[in-house]
Amino acid sequence: MSFDHNPGTAVPEKSDRVVGEPEVMQSAAGYYVGCYVTEDGFASPHSRFSDYFPKEQQAQAWLDAARRTNSL
């Protein structure tokens, strides 16, 4: 999988939107690797890169492996 993602850069259509770095996140469905977007001082989920995992450690292992192989 590959993703067009440039963390820390402004999203072109709105200069006040900033996409964060990939990180382990949590929802009602479980843990996953994704990123937030900050707009007008509020952060909200922006992208999900992985499947859902039942344990935080599994999502962290996925993120670590993706970083080692430059998959994000």
C-alpha atoms as a PDB file:
ATOM      1  CA  MET A   1       0.000   0.000   0.000  1.00  0.00           C
ATOM      2  CA  SER A   2       1.128   3.521  -0.623  1.00  0.00           C
ATOM      3  CA  PHE A   3      -0.418   6.770   0.458  1.00  0.00           C
ATOM      4  CA  ASP A   4      -0.055  10.324  -0.748  1.00  0.00           C
ATOM      5  CA  HIS A   5       0.615  11.911   2.630  1.00  0.00           C
ATOM      6  CA  ASN A   6       2.871  14.800   3.607  1.00  0.00           C
ATOM      7  CA  PRO A   7       2.691  15.265   7.389  1.00  0.00           C
ATOM      8  CA  GLY A   8       3.062  18.750   8.766  1.00  0.00           C
ATOM      9  CA  THR A   9       2.103  20.442   5.524  1.00  0.00           C
ATOM     10  CA  ALA A  10      -0.872  22.627   4.836  1.00  0.00           C
ATOM     11  CA  VAL A  11      -3.620  21.056   2.778  1.00  0.00           C
ATOM     12  CA  PRO A  12      -3.752  23.142  -0.433  1.00  0.00           C
ATOM     13  CA  GLU A  13      -7.458  23.975  -0.457  1.00  0.00           C
ATOM     14  CA  LYS A  14      -7.388  25.441   3.064  1.00  0.00           C
ATOM     15  CA  SER A  15      -4.156  26.972   4.312  1.00  0.00           C
ATOM     16  CA  ASP A  16      -5.200  26.751   7.985  1.00  0.00           C
ATOM     17  CA  ARG A  17      -5.451  22.929   7.842  1.00  0.00           C
ATOM     18  CA  VAL A  18      -2.391  20.956   8.973  1.00  0.00           C
ATOM     19  CA  VAL A  19      -2.114  17.165   8.670  1.00  0.00           C
ATOM     20  CA  GLY A  20      -0.250  15.474  11.525  1.00  0.00           C
ATOM     21  CA  GLU A  21       2.183  12.569  11.578  1.00  0.00           C
ATOM     22  CA  PRO A  22       0.875   8.982  11.504  1.00  0.00           C
ATOM     23  CA  GLU A  23       0.230   7.668  15.010  1.00  0.00           C
ATOM     24  CA  VAL A  24      -1.689   4.997  16.898  1.00  0.00           C
ATOM     25  CA  MET A  25      -5.287   6.107  17.335  1.00  0.00           C
ATOM     26  CA  GLN A  26      -8.366   4.546  18.912  1.00  0.00           C
ATOM     27  CA  SER A  27     -12.024   4.349  17.961  1.00  0.00           C
ATOM     28  CA  ALA A  28     -14.949   2.195  19.014  1.00  0.00           C
ATOM     29  CA  ALA A  29     -13.781  -0.358  16.413  1.00  0.00           C
ATOM     30  CA  GLY A  30     -10.314  -0.732  17.976  1.00  0.00           C
ATOM     31  CA  TYR A  31      -6.800   0.642  17.577  1.00  0.00           C
ATOM     32  CA  TYR A  32      -5.450   1.737  14.214  1.00  0.00           C
ATOM     33  CA  VAL A  33      -2.740   3.839  12.592  1.00  0.00           C
ATOM     34  CA  GLY A  34      -3.966   7.143  11.276  1.00  0.00           C
ATOM     35  CA  CYS A  35      -3.422  10.858  11.519  1.00  0.00           C
ATOM     36  CA  TYR A  36      -5.260  13.958  12.632  1.00  0.00           C
ATOM     37  CA  VAL A  37      -5.912  17.164  10.777  1.00  0.00           C
ATOM     38  CA  THR A  38      -5.918  20.416  12.740  1.00  0.00           C
ATOM     39  CA  GLU A  39      -8.184  23.168  11.515  1.00  0.00           C
ATOM     40  CA  ASP A  40      -9.145  26.350  13.353  1.00  0.00           C
ATOM     41  CA  GLY A  41      -7.442  24.989  16.484  1.00  0.00           C
ATOM     42  CA  PHE A  42      -9.429  21.740  16.526  1.00  0.00           C
ATOM     43  CA  ALA A  43      -7.970  18.308  15.768  1.00  0.00           C
ATOM     44  CA  SER A  44     -10.060  15.576  14.176  1.00  0.00           C
ATOM     45  CA  PRO A  45      -9.266  12.209  12.588  1.00  0.00           C
ATOM     46  CA  HIS A  46      -8.161  12.614   8.975  1.00  0.00           C
ATOM     47  CA  SER A  47      -6.860   9.332   7.545  1.00  0.00           C
ATOM     48  CA  ARG A  48      -6.703   5.668   8.512  1.00  0.00           C
ATOM     49  CA  PHE A  49      -3.742   3.726   7.097  1.00  0.00           C
ATOM     50  CA  SER A  50      -4.150   0.334   8.783  1.00  0.00           C
ATOM     51  CA  ASP A  51      -6.859  -2.137   9.624  1.00  0.00           C
ATOM     52  CA  TYR A  52      -8.253  -2.162  13.165  1.00  0.00           C
ATOM     53  CA  PHE A  53      -6.421  -4.080  15.890  1.00  0.00           C
ATOM     54  CA  PRO A  54      -7.819  -5.311  19.222  1.00  0.00           C
ATOM     55  CA  LYS A  55      -4.675  -4.217  21.106  1.00  0.00           C
ATOM     56  CA  GLU A  56      -2.732  -0.949  21.070  1.00  0.00           C
ATOM     57  CA  GLN A  57       0.572  -2.852  20.912  1.00  0.00           C
ATOM     58  CA  GLN A  58      -0.478  -4.494  17.631  1.00  0.00           C
ATOM     59  CA  ALA A  59      -1.206  -1.125  16.038  1.00  0.00           C
ATOM     60  CA  GLN A  60       2.123   0.214  17.330  1.00  0.00           C
ATOM     61  CA  ALA A  61       3.948  -2.784  15.840  1.00  0.00           C
ATOM     62  CA  TRP A  62       2.241  -2.113  12.473  1.00  0.00           C
ATOM     63  CA  LEU A  63       3.298   1.544  12.619  1.00  0.00           C
ATOM     64  CA  ASP A  64       6.878   0.645  13.566  1.00  0.00           C
ATOM     65  CA  ALA A  65       7.105  -1.835  10.665  1.00  0.00           C
ATOM     66  CA  ALA A  66       5.640   0.703   8.223  1.00  0.00           C
ATOM     67  CA  ARG A  67       8.210   3.290   9.311  1.00  0.00           C
ATOM     68  CA  ARG A  68      11.095   0.801   8.957  1.00  0.00           C
ATOM     69  CA  THR A  69      10.054  -0.023   5.408  1.00  0.00           C
ATOM     70  CA  ASN A  70       9.012   3.545   4.497  1.00  0.00           C
ATOM     71  CA  SER A  71       5.494   2.288   3.725  1.00  0.00           C
ATOM     72  CA  LEU A  72       3.721   5.438   4.886  1.00  0.00           C
END
